C-alpha atoms as a PDB file:
ATOM      1  CA  MET A   1     -37.788  18.701 -12.463  1.00  0.00           C
ATOM      2  CA  LYS A   2     -38.806  20.445 -15.875  1.00  0.00           C
ATOM      3  CA  GLN A   3     -42.241  21.634 -16.302  1.00  0.00           C
ATOM      4  CA  PHE A   4     -43.586  19.789 -19.855  1.00  0.00           C
ATOM      5  CA  SER A   5     -46.229  18.700 -21.494  1.00  0.00           C
ATOM      6  CA  ILE A   6     -46.877  15.993 -24.253  1.00  0.00           C
ATOM      7  CA  ASP A   7     -48.724  17.026 -27.435  1.00  0.00           C
ATOM      8  CA  LEU A   8     -51.295  13.680 -28.122  1.00  0.00           C
ATOM      9  CA  LYS A   9     -52.525  15.268 -30.985  1.00  0.00           C
ATOM     10  CA  ASN A  10     -49.387  15.395 -33.098  1.00  0.00           C
ATOM     11  CA  SER A  11     -46.996  12.568 -31.265  1.00  0.00           C
ATOM     12  CA  ASN A  12     -46.797   8.772 -32.682  1.00  0.00           C
ATOM     13  CA  LYS A  13     -49.363   6.653 -30.646  1.00  0.00           C
ATOM     14  CA  GLY A  14     -47.081   3.891 -30.353  1.00  0.00           C
ATOM     15  CA  GLU A  15     -44.634   6.540 -28.862  1.00  0.00           C
ATOM     16  CA  ARG A  16     -47.177   7.934 -26.430  1.00  0.00           C
ATOM     17  CA  LYS A  17     -47.697   4.508 -24.718  1.00  0.00           C
ATOM     18  CA  LYS A  18     -43.952   3.992 -24.322  1.00  0.00           C
ATOM     19  CA  ALA A  19     -43.511   7.393 -22.731  1.00  0.00           C
ATOM     20  CA  VAL A  20     -46.245   6.553 -20.189  1.00  0.00           C
ATOM     21  CA  LYS A  21     -44.704   3.156 -19.611  1.00  0.00           C
ATOM     22  CA  TYR A  22     -41.558   4.445 -19.107  1.00  0.00           C
ATOM     23  CA  LEU A  23     -42.439   7.538 -16.709  1.00  0.00           C
ATOM     24  CA  ARG A  24     -44.203   4.566 -14.669  1.00  0.00           C
ATOM     25  CA  GLU A  25     -41.319   2.589 -14.678  1.00  0.00           C
ATOM     26  CA  GLN A  26     -39.047   5.546 -13.200  1.00  0.00           C
ATOM     27  CA  GLY A  27     -41.696   5.846 -10.688  1.00  0.00           C
ATOM     28  CA  TYR A  28     -43.793   8.404 -11.885  1.00  0.00           C
ATOM     29  CA  THR A  29     -47.593   8.549 -11.620  1.00  0.00           C
ATOM     30  CA  VAL A  30     -48.971   9.924 -15.139  1.00  0.00           C
ATOM     31  CA  GLN A  31     -52.321  11.714 -15.432  1.00  0.00           C
ATOM     32  CA  ARG A  32     -54.604  12.981 -18.272  1.00  0.00           C
ATOM     33  CA  LYS A  33     -56.654  16.210 -17.527  1.00  0.00           C
ATOM     34  CA  LYS A  34     -58.363  17.772 -20.274  1.00  0.00           C
ATOM     35  CA  ASP A  35     -60.129  20.362 -18.369  1.00  0.00           C
ATOM     36  CA  ARG A  36     -57.390  22.937 -18.126  1.00  0.00           C
ATOM     37  CA  ALA A  37     -56.387  21.814 -21.900  1.00  0.00           C
ATOM     38  CA  ALA A  38     -59.703  22.719 -22.945  1.00  0.00           C
ATOM     39  CA  GLN A  39     -59.298  26.524 -21.158  1.00  0.00           C
ATOM     40  CA  ILE A  40     -56.291  27.363 -23.279  1.00  0.00           C
ATOM     41  CA  GLY A  41     -57.662  25.578 -26.639  1.00  0.00           C
ATOM     42  CA  LEU A  42     -55.380  22.670 -26.520  1.00  0.00           C
ATOM     43  CA  SER A  43     -58.047  19.822 -26.147  1.00  0.00           C
ATOM     44  CA  SER A  44     -55.374  17.135 -26.936  1.00  0.00           C
ATOM     45  CA  VAL A  45     -52.644  17.826 -25.019  1.00  0.00           C
ATOM     46  CA  LEU A  46     -51.339  15.756 -21.967  1.00  0.00           C
ATOM     47  CA  PHE A  47     -49.932  18.353 -19.623  1.00  0.00           C
ATOM     48  CA  LEU A  48     -47.473  17.207 -17.059  1.00  0.00           C
ATOM     49  CA  TYR A  49     -45.717  18.734 -14.198  1.00  0.00           C
ATOM     50  CA  LEU A  50     -43.088  16.975 -12.184  1.00  0.00           C
ATOM     51  CA  SER A  51     -42.590  17.559  -8.671  1.00  0.00           C
ATOM     52  CA  ASN A  52     -40.412  15.753  -5.915  1.00  0.00           C
ATOM     53  CA  PHE A  53     -41.825  15.374  -2.555  1.00  0.00           C
ATOM     54  CA  SER A  54     -38.676  15.359  -0.470  1.00  0.00           C
ATOM     55  CA  GLU A  55     -40.314  13.845   2.577  1.00  0.00           C
ATOM     56  CA  ARG A  56     -41.580  10.860   0.035  1.00  0.00           C
ATOM     57  CA  SER A  57     -38.835  10.496  -1.984  1.00  0.00           C
ATOM     58  CA  ASP A  58     -40.153   7.731  -4.734  1.00  0.00           C
ATOM     59  CA  ASP A  59     -43.613   9.423  -4.960  1.00  0.00           C
ATOM     60  CA  PHE A  60     -43.993  11.763  -7.834  1.00  0.00           C
ATOM     61  CA  GLY A  61     -47.172  13.977  -8.597  1.00  0.00           C
ATOM     62  CA  TYR A  62     -48.252  15.814 -11.838  1.00  0.00           C
ATOM     63  CA  TYR A  63     -49.694  19.067 -11.858  1.00  0.00           C
ATOM     64  CA  SER A  64     -51.388  20.377 -15.127  1.00  0.00           C
ATOM     65  CA  VAL A  65     -50.637  23.432 -15.723  1.00  0.00           C
ATOM     66  CA  VAL A  66     -49.289  25.429 -18.835  1.00  0.00           C
ATOM     67  CA  ASP A  67     -47.709  28.740 -18.938  1.00  0.00           C
ATOM     68  CA  ASN A  68     -45.251  30.484 -21.021  1.00  0.00           C
ATOM     69  CA  GLU A  69     -42.262  28.719 -19.793  1.00  0.00           C
ATOM     70  CA  GLU A  70     -43.670  25.557 -20.055  1.00  0.00           C
ATOM     71  CA  GLN A  71     -42.491  23.050 -23.104  1.00  0.00           C
ATOM     72  CA  ILE A  72     -44.781  20.798 -25.072  1.00  0.00           C
ATOM     73  CA  LEU A  73     -42.846  17.622 -26.603  1.00  0.00           C
ATOM     74  CA  THR A  74     -43.681  15.848 -29.698  1.00  0.00           C
ATOM     75  CA  LEU A  75     -42.674  12.128 -29.617  1.00  0.00           C
ATOM     76  CA  PRO A  76     -40.635  10.811 -31.090  1.00  0.00           C
ATOM     77  CA  LYS A  77     -38.472  13.624 -31.847  1.00  0.00           C
ATOM     78  CA  ASP A  78     -38.492  15.223 -28.187  1.00  0.00           C
ATOM     79  CA  TRP A  79     -37.127  11.711 -26.561  1.00  0.00           C
ATOM     80  CA  ASP A  80     -34.021  13.004 -25.371  1.00  0.00           C
ATOM     81  CA  LEU A  81     -35.840  16.111 -23.618  1.00  0.00           C
ATOM     82  CA  LEU A  82     -38.345  13.702 -22.022  1.00  0.00           C
ATOM     83  CA  ILE A  83     -35.476  11.675 -20.602  1.00  0.00           C
ATOM     84  CA  LYS A  84     -33.718  14.607 -20.007  1.00  0.00           C
ATOM     85  CA  TYR A  85     -36.324  16.143 -17.832  1.00  0.00           C
ATOM     86  CA  THR A  86     -37.503  12.842 -15.804  1.00  0.00           C
ATOM     87  CA  GLN A  87     -33.791  11.582 -14.946  1.00  0.00           C
ATOM     88  CA  LYS A  88     -33.369  11.432 -11.169  1.00  0.00           C
ATOM     89  CA  LYS A  89     -30.370  12.908  -9.821  1.00  0.00           C
ATOM     90  CA  PRO A  90     -28.641  10.285  -7.429  1.00  0.00           C
ATOM     91  CA  GLU A  91     -28.343  11.096  -4.093  1.00  0.00           C
ATOM     92  CA  LYS A  92     -25.189  12.195  -2.737  1.00  0.00           C
ATOM     93  CA  LYS A  93     -23.857   9.760   0.217  1.00  0.00           C
ATOM     94  CA  VAL A  94     -22.467  11.811   3.144  1.00  0.00           C
ATOM     95  CA  VAL A  95     -19.754   9.839   4.785  1.00  0.00           C
ATOM     96  CA  GLU A  96     -19.408  10.721   8.759  1.00  0.00           C
ATOM     97  CA  LYS A  97     -15.860  10.866   9.676  1.00  0.00           C
ATOM     98  CA  LYS A  98     -15.380   8.498  12.484  1.00  0.00           C
ATOM     99  CA  GLU A  99     -13.540   9.896  15.535  1.00  0.00           C
ATOM    100  CA  LEU A 100     -10.649   7.548  16.793  1.00  0.00           C
ATOM    101  CA  LYS A 101     -11.598   7.351  20.742  1.00  0.00           C
ATOM    102  CA  LYS A 102      -8.571   5.737  21.939  1.00  0.00           C
ATOM    103  CA  PHE A 103      -5.048   3.927  20.955  1.00  0.00           C
ATOM    104  CA  GLU A 104      -4.355   0.271  20.495  1.00  0.00           C
ATOM    105  CA  VAL A 105      -0.866  -0.854  21.351  1.00  0.00           C
ATOM    106  CA  GLY A 106       1.014  -1.721  18.562  1.00  0.00           C
ATOM    107  CA  VAL A 107      -1.152  -0.310  15.639  1.00  0.00           C
ATOM    108  CA  TRP A 108       0.174   2.404  13.314  1.00  0.00           C
ATOM    109  CA  TYR A 109      -1.773   5.623  13.193  1.00  0.00           C
ATOM    110  CA  LYS A 110      -1.107   8.768  10.933  1.00  0.00           C
ATOM    111  CA  CYS A 111      -1.531  12.410  11.685  1.00  0.00           C
ATOM    112  CA  VAL A 112      -1.059  15.015   9.175  1.00  0.00           C
ATOM    113  CA  SER A 113       2.730  13.987   7.914  1.00  0.00           C
ATOM    114  CA  MET A 114       3.185  11.980  10.756  1.00  0.00           C
ATOM    115  CA  LEU A 115       2.924   8.317  11.246  1.00  0.00           C
ATOM    116  CA  GLY A 116       3.195   6.782  14.998  1.00  0.00           C
ATOM    117  CA  ARG A 117       3.323   3.412  16.436  1.00  0.00           C
ATOM    118  CA  TYR A 118       1.338   3.096  19.824  1.00  0.00           C
ATOM    119  CA  GLN A 119       3.530   1.810  22.438  1.00  0.00           C
ATOM    120  CA  GLY A 120       1.095   2.444  25.265  1.00  0.00           C
ATOM    121  CA  ASP A 121       0.948   4.864  28.288  1.00  0.00           C
ATOM    122  CA  ASN A 122       0.399   7.596  25.811  1.00  0.00           C
ATOM    123  CA  ARG A 123       3.539   7.198  24.323  1.00  0.00           C
ATOM    124  CA  GLY A 124       4.500   5.983  20.677  1.00  0.00           C
ATOM    125  CA  VAL A 125       7.397   5.689  18.152  1.00  0.00           C
ATOM    126  CA  VAL A 126       6.882   8.513  15.680  1.00  0.00           C
ATOM    127  CA  PHE A 127       8.233   9.201  12.131  1.00  0.00           C
ATOM    128  CA  CYS A 128       7.906  12.493  11.013  1.00  0.00           C
ATOM    129  CA  GLY A 129       8.590  13.097   7.295  1.00  0.00           C
ATOM    130  CA  ARG A 130      12.177  11.610   6.715  1.00  0.00           C
ATOM    131  CA  ARG A 131      13.054  11.720  10.423  1.00  0.00           C
ATOM    132  CA  TRP A 132      12.716   8.788  12.797  1.00  0.00           C
ATOM    133  CA  THR A 133      12.075   9.880  16.410  1.00  0.00           C
ATOM    134  CA  GLY A 134      13.902   7.039  17.907  1.00  0.00           C
ATOM    135  CA  ASP A 135      12.891   3.917  19.622  1.00  0.00           C
ATOM    136  CA  PHE A 136      12.272   5.378  22.933  1.00  0.00           C
ATOM    137  CA  GLY A 137       9.076   6.791  22.163  1.00  0.00           C
ATOM    138  CA  VAL A 138       7.494  10.294  22.502  1.00  0.00           C
ATOM    139  CA  SER A 139       4.108  11.477  23.513  1.00  0.00           C
ATOM    140  CA  MET A 140       1.211  10.037  21.722  1.00  0.00           C
ATOM    141  CA  SER A 141      -1.764  11.775  22.899  1.00  0.00           C
ATOM    142  CA  TYR A 142      -5.569  13.066  21.680  1.00  0.00           C
ATOM    143  CA  PRO A 143      -6.585   9.984  19.392  1.00  0.00           C
ATOM    144  CA  LYS A 144      -9.065  12.133  17.586  1.00  0.00           C
ATOM    145  CA  ASP A 145      -6.525  13.848  15.811  1.00  0.00           C
ATOM    146  CA  TRP A 146      -5.347  10.663  14.359  1.00  0.00           C
ATOM    147  CA  THR A 147      -6.481   8.212  12.072  1.00  0.00           C
ATOM    148  CA  LYS A 148      -5.179   4.189  11.262  1.00  0.00           C
ATOM    149  CA  ALA A 149      -2.507   4.318   8.631  1.00  0.00           C
ATOM    150  CA  THR A 150      -2.334   2.084   5.457  1.00  0.00           C
ATOM    151  CA  PRO A 151       0.092  -0.723   5.085  1.00  0.00           C
ATOM    152  CA  LYS A 152       1.315   1.216   2.193  1.00  0.00           C
ATOM    153  CA  GLU A 153       2.149   4.477   4.159  1.00  0.00           C
ATOM    154  CA  ILE A 154       3.564   2.355   6.930  1.00  0.00           C
ATOM    155  CA  GLU A 155       6.155   0.403   4.262  1.00  0.00           C
ATOM    156  CA  GLU A 156       7.071   3.548   2.942  1.00  0.00           C
ATOM    157  CA  CYS A 157       8.106   5.182   6.070  1.00  0.00           C
ATOM    158  CA  LEU A 158       9.875   1.825   7.117  1.00  0.00           C
ATOM    159  CA  THR A 159      11.782   1.514   4.013  1.00  0.00           C
ATOM    160  CA  ILE A 160      13.098   5.007   4.286  1.00  0.00           C
ATOM    161  CA  GLU A 161      14.057   4.201   7.765  1.00  0.00           C
ATOM    162  CA  ALA A 162      15.970   0.796   6.622  1.00  0.00           C
ATOM    163  CA  GLU A 163      17.801   2.645   4.146  1.00  0.00           C
ATOM    164  CA  LYS A 164      19.122   5.058   6.699  1.00  0.00           C
ATOM    165  CA  ARG A 165      20.182   2.891   8.963  1.00  0.00           C
ATOM    166  CA  GLY A 166      22.299   1.100   6.472  1.00  0.00           C
ATOM    167  CA  PHE A 167      20.382  -1.612   5.164  1.00  0.00           C
ATOM    168  CA  LYS A 168      21.365  -1.868   1.507  1.00  0.00           C
ATOM    169  CA  LYS A 169      22.118  -5.057  -0.653  1.00  0.00           C
ATOM    170  CA  GLY A 170      24.971  -7.114   0.350  1.00  0.00           C
ATOM    171  CA  VAL A 171      24.558  -6.286   4.098  1.00  0.00           C
ATOM    172  CA  ARG A 172      24.084  -9.066   6.754  1.00  0.00           C
ATOM    173  CA  PHE A 173      22.348  -8.311   9.512  1.00  0.00           C
ATOM    174  CA  LYS A 174      20.873 -10.501  12.503  1.00  0.00           C
ATOM    175  CA  SER A 175      17.122 -10.978  12.077  1.00  0.00           C
ATOM    176  CA  ALA A 176      15.033  -8.840  14.364  1.00  0.00           C
ATOM    177  CA  TYR A 177      12.657 -11.824  14.564  1.00  0.00           C
ATOM    178  CA  SER A 178      14.708 -15.110  14.740  1.00  0.00           C
ATOM    179  CA  GLY A 179      17.901 -13.784  15.571  1.00  0.00           C
ATOM    180  CA  ASP A 180      19.418 -15.681  12.403  1.00  0.00           C
ATOM    181  CA  THR A 181      21.986 -14.381   9.830  1.00  0.00           C
ATOM    182  CA  GLY A 182      20.625 -12.922   6.661  1.00  0.00           C
ATOM    183  CA  GLU A 183      21.724 -10.866   3.638  1.00  0.00           C
ATOM    184  CA  CYS A 184      19.624  -7.779   2.500  1.00  0.00           C
ATOM    185  CA  ASN A 185      18.750  -8.100  -1.081  1.00  0.00           C
ATOM    186  CA  GLY A 186      17.989  -4.227  -1.523  1.00  0.00           C
ATOM    187  CA  CYS A 187      14.037  -5.153  -1.587  1.00  0.00           C
ATOM    188  CA  PHE A 188      11.747  -4.549   1.361  1.00  0.00           C
ATOM    189  CA  LEU A 189       8.220  -5.741   2.054  1.00  0.00           C
ATOM    190  CA  TYR A 190       6.043  -4.839   4.777  1.00  0.00           C
ATOM    191  CA  GLU A 191       3.792  -7.695   6.170  1.00  0.00           C
ATOM    192  CA  SER A 192       0.641  -8.069   8.091  1.00  0.00           C
ATOM    193  CA  ASP A 193       2.453  -9.056  11.349  1.00  0.00           C
ATOM    194  CA  ASP A 194       3.991  -5.678  11.443  1.00  0.00           C
ATOM    195  CA  SER A 195       7.206  -6.443  10.095  1.00  0.00           C
ATOM    196  CA  LEU A 196       9.509  -5.315   7.089  1.00  0.00           C
ATOM    197  CA  SER A 197      11.650  -7.923   5.555  1.00  0.00           C
ATOM    198  CA  SER A 198      14.046  -8.194   2.974  1.00  0.00           C
ATOM    199  CA  ASN A 199      15.331 -11.530   1.388  1.00  0.00           C
ATOM    200  CA  GLY A 200      12.968 -13.450   3.525  1.00  0.00           C
ATOM    201  CA  MET A 201      14.490 -12.241   7.327  1.00  0.00           C
ATOM    202  CA  ASP A 202      12.854  -9.370   9.109  1.00  0.00           C
ATOM    203  CA  ILE A 203      15.076  -6.263   9.210  1.00  0.00           C
ATOM    204  CA  TYR A 204      12.282  -4.815  11.347  1.00  0.00           C
ATOM    205  CA  HIS A 205       9.848  -6.780  13.657  1.00  0.00           C
ATOM    206  CA  GLN A 206       7.031  -5.161  15.713  1.00  0.00           C
ATOM    207  CA  GLY A 207       9.012  -1.948  16.962  1.00  0.00           C
ATOM    208  CA  LYS A 208      12.406  -3.965  16.654  1.00  0.00           C
ATOM    209  CA  TRP A 209      15.647  -3.267  14.041  1.00  0.00           C
ATOM    210  CA  ALA A 210      17.676  -5.749  13.305  1.00  0.00           C
ATOM    211  CA  GLU A 211      21.355  -5.523  13.914  1.00  0.00           C
ATOM    212  CA  ILE A 212      23.681  -5.214  10.968  1.00  0.00           C
ATOM    213  CA  THR A 213      26.816  -7.331  11.364  1.00  0.00           C
ATOM    214  CA  GLU A 214      30.231  -7.129  10.169  1.00  0.00           C
ATOM    215  CA  GLU A 215      30.722  -7.454   6.126  1.00  0.00           C
ATOM    216  CA  PRO A 216      31.400 -10.611   5.112  1.00  0.00           C
ATOM    217  CA  PHE A 217      35.015 -11.599   4.884  1.00  0.00           C
ATOM    218  CA  THR A 218      36.553 -12.495   1.382  1.00  0.00           C
ATOM    219  CA  ILE A 219      39.395 -14.412   0.078  1.00  0.00           C
ATOM    220  CA  ASN A 220      40.064 -13.505  -3.694  1.00  0.00           C
ATOM    221  CA  GLY A 221      36.270 -12.200  -3.767  1.00  0.00           C
ATOM    222  CA  HIS A 222      34.931 -15.567  -2.172  1.00  0.00           C
ATOM    223  CA  GLU A 223      33.166 -15.124   0.966  1.00  0.00           C
ATOM    224  CA  VAL A 224      34.664 -17.183   3.791  1.00  0.00           C
ATOM    225  CA  ARG A 225      31.710 -19.489   5.631  1.00  0.00           C
ATOM    226  CA  SER A 226      33.480 -21.407   8.430  1.00  0.00           C
ATOM    227  CA  TRP A 227      31.938 -23.489  11.356  1.00  0.00           C
ATOM    228  CA  LYS A 228      32.964 -25.758  14.236  1.00  0.00           C
ATOM    229  CA  SER A 229      33.591 -29.473  13.746  1.00  0.00           C
ATOM    230  CA  LYS A 230      34.591 -31.495  16.496  1.00  0.00           C
ATOM    231  CA  ASN A 231      38.130 -30.276  17.534  1.00  0.00           C
ATOM    232  CA  THR A 232      38.686 -27.721  14.646  1.00  0.00           C
ATOM    233  CA  THR A 233      37.110 -25.016  12.493  1.00  0.00           C
ATOM    234  CA  GLN A 234      36.240 -25.881   9.034  1.00  0.00           C
ATOM    235  CA  PHE A 235      35.972 -23.401   6.522  1.00  0.00           C
ATOM    236  CA  THR A 236      35.331 -22.670   2.590  1.00  0.00           C
ATOM    237  CA  ALA A 237      35.817 -19.769   0.356  1.00  0.00           C
ATOM    238  CA  GLY A 238      34.870 -20.440  -3.146  1.00  0.00           C
ATOM    239  CA  CYS A 239      36.422 -23.867  -4.258  1.00  0.00           C
ATOM    240  CA  PHE A 240      39.175 -23.491  -1.268  1.00  0.00           C
ATOM    241  CA  SER A 241      38.058 -25.935   1.553  1.00  0.00           C
ATOM    242  CA  SER A 242      39.736 -27.116   4.406  1.00  0.00           C
ATOM    243  CA  ASP A 243      40.174 -26.895   8.080  1.00  0.00           C
ATOM    244  CA  TYR A 244      42.058 -24.659  10.719  1.00  0.00           C
ATOM    245  CA  SER A 245      44.772 -27.026  11.593  1.00  0.00           C
ATOM    246  CA  TYR A 246      45.891 -27.658   7.933  1.00  0.00           C
ATOM    247  CA  LEU A 247      45.782 -23.905   7.088  1.00  0.00           C
ATOM    248  CA  ALA A 248      48.357 -23.095  10.195  1.00  0.00           C
ATOM    249  CA  ILE A 249      50.884 -25.898   8.512  1.00  0.00           C
ATOM    250  CA  LEU A 250      50.525 -24.447   5.339  1.00  0.00           C
ATOM    251  CA  ILE A 251      51.039 -21.086   6.609  1.00  0.00           C
ATOM    252  CA  SER A 252      54.095 -22.512   8.398  1.00  0.00           C
ATOM    253  CA  GLN A 253      55.793 -24.404   5.732  1.00  0.00           C
ATOM    254  CA  ILE A 254      55.568 -21.503   3.440  1.00  0.00           C
ATOM    255  CA  GLU A 255      57.278 -19.264   5.989  1.00  0.00           C
ATOM    256  CA  ARG A 256      59.790 -21.751   6.209  1.00  0.00           C
ATOM    257  CA  PHE A 257      60.467 -22.111   2.651  1.00  0.00           C
ATOM    258  CA  LYS A 258      60.736 -18.302   2.403  1.00  0.00           C
ATOM    259  CA  THR A 259      63.146 -17.873   4.950  1.00  0.00           C
ATOM    260  CA  GLN A 260      65.217 -20.435   2.772  1.00  0.00           C
ATOM    261  CA  GLY A 261      64.754 -18.264  -0.162  1.00  0.00           C
ATOM    262  CA  VAL A 262      62.433 -19.994  -1.880  1.00  0.00           C
ATOM    263  CA  GLU A 263      59.004 -18.315  -2.962  1.00  0.00           C
ATOM    264  CA  LEU A 264      56.105 -21.148  -2.998  1.00  0.00           C
ATOM    265  CA  SER A 265      52.750 -20.039  -4.226  1.00  0.00           C
ATOM    266  CA  VAL A 266      49.470 -21.728  -3.433  1.00  0.00           C
ATOM    267  CA  LYS A 267      46.923 -22.136  -5.916  1.00  0.00           C
ATOM    268  CA  VAL A 268      43.285 -23.351  -5.524  1.00  0.00           C
ATOM    269  CA  LYS A 269      41.444 -24.060  -8.792  1.00  0.00           C
ATOM    270  CA  GLY A 270      43.744 -22.092 -10.842  1.00  0.00           C
ATOM    271  CA  GLU A 271      43.579 -19.039  -8.653  1.00  0.00           C
ATOM    272  CA  ASN A 272      46.569 -17.844  -6.808  1.00  0.00           C
ATOM    273  CA  VAL A 273      46.197 -17.605  -3.043  1.00  0.00           C
ATOM    274  CA  SER A 274      48.994 -15.097  -1.591  1.00  0.00           C
ATOM    275  CA  LEU A 275      50.526 -15.760   2.016  1.00  0.00           C
ATOM    276  CA  GLU A 276      49.223 -12.461   3.293  1.00  0.00           C
ATOM    277  CA  ASP A 277      45.633 -13.579   2.217  1.00  0.00           C
ATOM    278  CA  LEU A 278      46.144 -17.136   4.317  1.00  0.00           C
ATOM    279  CA  LYS A 279      47.570 -15.011   7.373  1.00  0.00           C
ATOM    280  CA  ARG A 280      44.200 -12.774   6.976  1.00  0.00           C
ATOM    281  CA  LEU A 281      42.240 -15.802   7.125  1.00  0.00           C
ATOM    282  CA  LYS A 282      44.065 -17.323   9.969  1.00  0.00           C
ATOM    283  CA  THR A 283      43.220 -14.390  12.158  1.00  0.00           C
ATOM    284  CA  HIS A 284      39.903 -14.319  11.186  1.00  0.00           C
ATOM    285  CA  LEU A 285      39.201 -18.067  12.169  1.00  0.00           C
ATOM    286  CA  ASP A 286      41.007 -17.204  15.460  1.00  0.00           C
ATOM    287  CA  GLU A 287      38.548 -14.170  16.049  1.00  0.00           C
ATOM    288  CA  HIS A 288      35.706 -16.257  15.130  1.00  0.00           C
END
């Protein structure tokens, strides 16, 4: 603390009282000692020496010593100096680093630039920079060298890996969680159950990745959707809706007229559907 004195003679009386009140509110003990003042001929000076005893952090004492380095403050003009000299510096909090003692199965950890999901038996799936070590897992030892990864760090590494695996907008896949078929919308979200989803379907779930299915089959730019119904297969392709039996008859009729030199065209809601497209559609339904 800076050593200083308050000039009682030349300071405003009201300001002196404010100063004493302020000092006491800050936890200081204010004392007035005239005997030392008389020795140097300043009988009206309040001498203050502030010292902070570390073993008693809230207890401050004053020692009335005047030397050449001591400042004499006159109030109110020296209020800024008084506050400056008596301000307490905030104690620095030392945060102790907690050393990881053991891994938890299914939890993600970080070590320098590596992220790893612990699988048990000292092994884990590790993501290093932009390289995935593989689903089989690698050695994960010495827990003290690792810390728990944040959800943001996990999402970033899984998103990079998802894109490398081919999950992009429009790609269809079987959910890693439910097995249902979904379509990637190009956006990824990491969730608290350790899953990475796109369009509400899990691309990754607790160490398992979804399976990318074939590209959707289309006719004139319309995706063909089919399902089993009684003894046939029904399908839709945009506005074109029918079943396998009718499609087979339609193809047969068009080919018969073609052998007679008559070209037939099929229009669905104003759109031409070629014979080749109808055959491709029949083949697709045969295979599915």
